[in-house]
Amino acid sequence: MALRLATLNLAFVDHNDGPDADPARPRFPTWDERRARIVQALTDLAPDVLCLQEAIVWEASAMAPHWVAWLAARAGQGPLAERFDQVSDLADRLPDDYRAIGVPLPISVFRDEEMAGLGWGTVVFSRLPVRSHHRITLPHEAGDMTRRLPLFVEVEVDGAPLWVVSVHCDPLARHIDALCDAVAALPPSVPVALLGDFNLDDRHALYRRLVAATPCDCRVATTPQVRWRDDAPMAAAATIDHCLVRDPTRTPAAFQHINDYPYSDVHWLQVVDLA
């Protein structure tokens, strides 16, 4: 069975638009302005498995006032709605055959403080049967910006397992080593796909550790197709998001970078076809 996998960092709380936008950063519109185009792209491309990073769920009544103010400012909104669930917001708009995996989202930890009432992290939408799923917690130390918890999802393809991992990590040896060790602990005959935001490009020394564990970088192994905004601040070749695969039976047949919706930062939708 041919497979289509996709990844996107939603970056919900990185708003930077309007009269108070920081001129040193890319303009970055609100979620409401980006959502329809993102959903349309995902609906048109119809990946079998979709990995998302920086998905958000909040319960404003459970959050400390300073966190409510911080999140409202970051999201480019006035007073927050009492409840917001971005995962459900997407699920309601994507085709009905997608199942959301990884909910409820973990409570966010930002600079060693627990943000009660704010769930934040990785999630997977799958059209394939799901056998199991679990998270790992990457090693966390005082001073880290936030806790990172990749989501491992075991899906079934033609009666056989495939592990798809929605990754969000930092360019730290302890993060990459823990992630690669988790992949090495899986049976070597079982395919594994790591998709997400690694916060490092393929010039980084830690990238070589990643490709030792998952030897096929689907972007490098293909000639990527690009749908690109002219005013995007970075070229597609400078990506810090990756689709990395260890699969003895499938190879990447096509790869797409897509950043022609209202979203312009260092992340963009990536889609890979495995055949």
Protein backbone atom coordinates (compact mmCIF):
# COMPACT_ATOMS: atom_id res chain seq x y z
CA MET A 1 0.00 0.00 0.00
CA ALA A 2 1.32 3.43 -0.91
CA LEU A 3 1.31 5.89 1.98
CA ARG A 4 1.05 9.64 2.30
CA LEU A 5 2.40 11.19 5.50
CA ALA A 6 2.40 14.86 6.47
CA THR A 7 3.66 17.15 9.21
CA LEU A 8 2.98 20.74 10.26
CA ASN A 9 3.90 22.87 13.26
CA LEU A 10 0.72 24.90 13.89
CA ALA A 11 2.57 27.53 15.96
CA PHE A 12 -0.75 28.77 17.31
CA VAL A 13 0.69 31.20 19.83
CA ASP A 14 3.30 32.84 17.61
CA HIS A 15 1.06 35.65 16.40
CA ASN A 16 2.95 38.64 14.95
CA ASP A 17 0.70 40.87 12.89
CA GLY A 18 -1.21 44.14 13.05
CA PRO A 19 -0.02 47.58 14.16
CA ASP A 20 2.03 46.21 17.06
CA ALA A 21 3.88 43.56 15.03
CA ASP A 22 7.58 43.15 15.74
CA PRO A 23 9.34 44.31 12.52
CA ALA A 24 12.29 42.03 13.29
CA ARG A 25 10.11 38.92 12.94
CA PRO A 26 8.01 37.60 10.03
CA ARG A 27 4.41 38.81 9.93
CA PHE A 28 2.33 36.04 11.35
CA PRO A 29 -1.49 36.24 11.26
CA THR A 30 -3.89 34.73 13.79
CA TRP A 31 -5.14 31.15 13.74
CA ASP A 32 -8.57 32.21 12.45
CA GLU A 33 -6.91 33.75 9.39
CA ARG A 34 -4.76 30.68 8.69
CA ARG A 35 -7.16 27.87 9.56
CA ALA A 36 -9.35 27.74 6.45
CA ARG A 37 -6.39 27.56 4.06
CA ILE A 38 -4.59 24.97 6.19
CA VAL A 39 -7.70 22.80 6.38
CA GLN A 40 -8.22 23.13 2.63
CA ALA A 41 -4.64 22.07 1.92
CA LEU A 42 -4.95 19.06 4.23
CA THR A 43 -8.31 18.09 2.75
CA ASP A 44 -6.97 18.33 -0.81
CA LEU A 45 -3.77 16.40 -0.02
CA ALA A 46 -5.53 13.81 2.16
CA PRO A 47 -2.55 12.34 4.05
CA ASP A 48 -3.08 8.93 5.61
CA VAL A 49 -1.35 10.15 8.77
CA LEU A 50 -0.86 13.77 9.80
CA CYS A 51 1.60 14.81 12.54
CA LEU A 52 1.01 18.17 14.20
CA GLN A 53 3.12 20.11 16.67
CA GLU A 54 2.20 23.01 18.98
CA ALA A 55 -1.47 22.12 19.13
CA ILE A 56 -3.28 24.02 21.89
CA VAL A 57 -6.19 23.40 24.27
CA TRP A 58 -6.98 25.83 27.06
CA GLU A 59 -9.38 26.16 29.97
CA ALA A 60 -9.09 29.83 30.90
CA SER A 61 -10.76 29.37 34.30
CA ALA A 62 -8.02 26.93 35.35
CA MET A 63 -5.15 29.16 34.27
CA ALA A 64 -3.33 31.68 36.44
CA PRO A 65 -4.18 35.28 35.42
CA HIS A 66 -0.66 36.01 34.19
CA TRP A 67 -0.81 32.93 31.92
CA VAL A 68 -4.19 34.05 30.55
CA ALA A 69 -2.71 37.44 29.71
CA TRP A 70 0.44 35.88 28.23
CA LEU A 71 -1.49 33.50 26.00
CA ALA A 72 -3.97 36.17 24.87
CA ALA A 73 -1.09 38.41 23.82
CA ARG A 74 0.75 35.59 22.06
CA ALA A 75 -2.40 34.51 20.21
CA GLY A 76 -3.17 38.07 19.10
CA GLN A 77 -6.55 38.09 20.81
CA GLY A 78 -8.40 40.11 23.39
CA PRO A 79 -9.91 38.26 26.35
CA LEU A 80 -9.62 34.53 25.84
CA ALA A 81 -12.65 32.37 25.30
CA GLU A 82 -13.36 30.33 28.40
CA ARG A 83 -12.44 27.19 26.50
CA PHE A 84 -10.61 26.60 23.25
CA ASP A 85 -9.76 23.22 21.76
CA GLN A 86 -7.67 23.46 18.60
CA VAL A 87 -7.66 19.68 18.10
CA SER A 88 -11.46 19.58 18.06
CA ASP A 89 -11.50 22.72 15.92
CA LEU A 90 -9.49 20.88 13.27
CA ALA A 91 -11.32 17.57 13.69
CA ASP A 92 -14.63 19.31 13.02
CA ARG A 93 -13.31 20.62 9.69
CA LEU A 94 -11.25 17.70 8.40
CA PRO A 95 -12.92 14.69 6.72
CA ASP A 96 -14.77 12.41 9.13
CA ASP A 97 -12.45 9.44 8.70
CA TYR A 98 -9.61 11.07 10.64
CA ARG A 99 -9.10 10.03 14.27
CA ALA A 100 -7.19 12.31 16.65
CA ILE A 101 -4.51 10.53 18.71
CA GLY A 102 -2.71 12.05 21.70
CA VAL A 103 -5.59 13.77 23.45
CA PRO A 104 -5.92 15.04 26.07
CA LEU A 105 -2.79 17.06 25.42
CA PRO A 106 -0.20 17.19 28.23
CA ILE A 107 -0.26 20.17 30.59
CA SER A 108 2.23 22.68 29.25
CA VAL A 109 5.45 23.44 31.09
CA PHE A 110 7.04 26.73 30.09
CA ARG A 111 10.39 27.67 31.65
CA ASP A 112 9.94 25.22 34.52
CA GLU A 113 6.46 26.44 35.49
CA GLU A 114 3.34 24.36 35.12
CA MET A 115 0.68 26.18 33.12
CA ALA A 116 -2.42 24.62 34.63
CA GLY A 117 -5.34 24.74 32.23
CA LEU A 118 -3.18 24.89 29.10
CA GLY A 119 -2.58 21.72 27.14
CA TRP A 120 0.11 21.97 24.46
CA GLY A 121 2.07 19.59 22.32
CA THR A 122 2.07 16.96 19.61
CA VAL A 123 -0.95 15.21 18.15
CA VAL A 124 -1.58 12.81 15.27
CA PHE A 125 -4.58 12.50 12.94
CA SER A 126 -4.83 9.07 11.34
CA ARG A 127 -7.10 7.54 8.71
CA LEU A 128 -5.40 4.18 9.27
CA PRO A 129 -6.28 1.76 12.10
CA VAL A 130 -4.37 2.57 15.29
CA ARG A 131 -2.95 -0.32 17.31
CA SER A 132 -1.30 1.59 20.15
CA HIS A 133 0.27 4.90 21.10
CA HIS A 134 2.46 6.38 23.81
CA ARG A 135 4.58 9.42 24.58
CA ILE A 136 8.17 9.70 25.67
CA THR A 137 9.45 12.63 27.72
CA LEU A 138 12.74 13.95 26.39
CA PRO A 139 15.31 14.74 29.12
CA HIS A 140 14.32 18.02 30.76
CA GLU A 141 16.64 20.29 32.73
CA ALA A 142 16.27 23.55 34.60
CA GLY A 143 16.45 26.43 32.16
CA ASP A 144 14.91 24.56 29.24
CA MET A 145 12.21 26.60 27.52
CA THR A 146 9.62 23.84 27.69
CA ARG A 147 9.10 20.10 28.09
CA ARG A 148 9.12 18.02 24.89
CA LEU A 149 6.96 14.89 24.57
CA PRO A 150 7.06 13.20 21.13
CA LEU A 151 4.02 11.05 20.35
CA PHE A 152 4.59 7.50 19.05
CA VAL A 153 1.59 6.04 17.18
CA GLU A 154 1.51 2.47 15.86
CA VAL A 155 -0.78 2.30 12.83
CA GLU A 156 -1.70 -0.71 10.73
CA VAL A 157 -0.92 -0.85 7.02
CA ASP A 158 -2.09 -3.92 5.11
CA GLY A 159 -2.16 -5.89 8.35
CA ALA A 160 1.39 -4.87 9.37
CA PRO A 161 2.58 -2.25 11.88
CA LEU A 162 4.10 1.13 11.12
CA TRP A 163 5.24 3.53 13.83
CA VAL A 164 4.65 7.20 13.04
CA VAL A 165 6.16 9.69 15.48
CA SER A 166 5.10 13.32 15.81
CA VAL A 167 8.32 14.98 16.97
CA HIS A 168 8.96 18.32 18.61
CA CYS A 169 12.42 18.61 20.13
CA ASP A 170 15.26 21.05 20.63
CA PRO A 171 18.72 20.87 19.01
CA LEU A 172 20.18 19.21 22.12
CA ALA A 173 22.23 16.01 22.17
CA ARG A 174 20.15 14.65 25.06
CA HIS A 175 16.94 15.15 23.07
CA ILE A 176 18.25 13.58 19.88
CA ASP A 177 19.92 10.71 21.72
CA ALA A 178 16.72 9.88 23.65
CA LEU A 179 14.67 10.01 20.48
CA CYS A 180 17.09 7.78 18.57
CA ASP A 181 17.27 5.35 21.50
CA ALA A 182 13.47 5.07 21.47
CA VAL A 183 13.57 4.25 17.75
CA ALA A 184 16.35 1.69 18.28
CA ALA A 185 14.20 -0.03 20.94
CA LEU A 186 11.53 -0.82 18.34
CA PRO A 187 11.89 -4.08 16.37
CA PRO A 188 14.26 -3.42 13.44
CA SER A 189 11.88 -5.10 11.00
CA VAL A 190 9.08 -2.63 11.83
CA PRO A 191 9.03 0.59 9.76
CA VAL A 192 9.34 3.90 11.63
CA ALA A 193 8.68 7.44 10.38
CA LEU A 194 9.78 10.49 12.38
CA LEU A 195 7.98 13.63 11.28
CA GLY A 196 7.98 17.06 12.83
CA ASP A 197 9.91 20.01 14.13
CA PHE A 198 13.47 19.10 15.13
CA ASN A 199 14.69 22.71 15.42
CA LEU A 200 17.81 21.86 13.43
CA ASP A 201 18.56 21.74 9.73
CA ASP A 202 20.58 19.15 7.85
CA ARG A 203 23.84 21.05 8.38
CA HIS A 204 23.66 20.43 12.13
CA ALA A 205 25.94 17.78 13.64
CA LEU A 206 22.98 16.15 15.41
CA TYR A 207 21.27 15.62 12.07
CA ARG A 208 23.80 12.87 11.35
CA ARG A 209 22.70 11.08 14.52
CA LEU A 210 19.12 11.22 13.30
CA VAL A 211 19.86 9.78 9.88
CA ALA A 212 21.86 6.99 11.47
CA ALA A 213 18.65 5.93 13.25
CA THR A 214 16.24 6.70 10.40
CA PRO A 215 18.46 6.63 7.30
CA CYS A 216 16.09 8.09 4.72
CA ASP A 217 15.49 11.85 4.74
CA CYS A 218 12.51 12.01 2.39
CA ARG A 219 13.26 15.57 1.26
CA VAL A 220 16.87 14.79 0.36
CA ALA A 221 15.91 11.50 -1.31
CA THR A 222 13.51 13.20 -3.75
CA THR A 223 13.20 16.30 -5.87
CA PRO A 224 10.81 18.33 -3.72
CA GLN A 225 7.84 20.07 -5.23
CA VAL A 226 7.46 23.58 -3.82
CA ARG A 227 4.35 25.74 -3.38
CA TRP A 228 5.86 28.82 -1.87
CA ARG A 229 4.95 32.36 -0.91
CA ASP A 230 7.22 34.94 -2.48
CA ASP A 231 7.51 36.82 0.82
CA ALA A 232 8.37 33.76 2.95
CA PRO A 233 11.38 34.66 5.15
CA MET A 234 13.24 31.39 4.61
CA ALA A 235 13.88 29.14 1.64
CA ALA A 236 12.46 25.64 1.62
CA ALA A 237 15.98 24.21 1.64
CA ALA A 238 16.61 25.70 5.09
CA THR A 239 13.93 23.62 6.77
CA ILE A 240 14.17 22.62 10.43
CA ASP A 241 11.24 20.24 9.96
CA HIS A 242 11.92 16.78 8.60
CA CYS A 243 10.33 13.53 7.42
CA LEU A 244 12.78 10.74 8.32
CA VAL A 245 12.01 7.09 7.61
CA ARG A 246 13.41 3.67 8.45
CA ASP A 247 11.50 1.32 6.18
CA PRO A 248 13.02 -1.67 4.34
CA THR A 249 10.05 -2.02 1.99
CA ARG A 250 9.10 1.54 1.00
CA THR A 251 10.98 4.47 -0.50
CA PRO A 252 9.90 8.11 -0.90
CA ALA A 253 8.29 8.70 -4.29
CA ALA A 254 7.44 12.40 -3.87
CA PHE A 255 7.92 15.22 -1.37
CA GLN A 256 6.11 18.55 -1.15
CA HIS A 257 6.88 21.81 0.69
CA ILE A 258 3.75 23.92 0.98
CA ASN A 259 3.72 27.47 2.30
CA ASP A 260 1.21 29.27 0.12
CA TYR A 261 -1.37 29.75 2.87
CA PRO A 262 -1.29 32.70 5.34
CA TYR A 263 1.60 31.40 7.39
CA SER A 264 5.18 32.52 7.09
CA ASP A 265 7.82 31.48 9.55
CA VAL A 266 10.39 28.67 9.69
CA HIS A 267 7.73 25.96 9.49
CA TRP A 268 5.58 24.78 6.62
CA LEU A 269 3.46 21.82 5.66
CA GLN A 270 5.55 18.89 4.44
CA VAL A 271 4.01 15.90 2.64
CA VAL A 272 5.75 12.69 1.62
CA ASP A 273 4.52 9.79 -0.50
CA LEU A 274 6.03 6.38 0.27
CA ALA A 275 5.72 3.60 -2.27
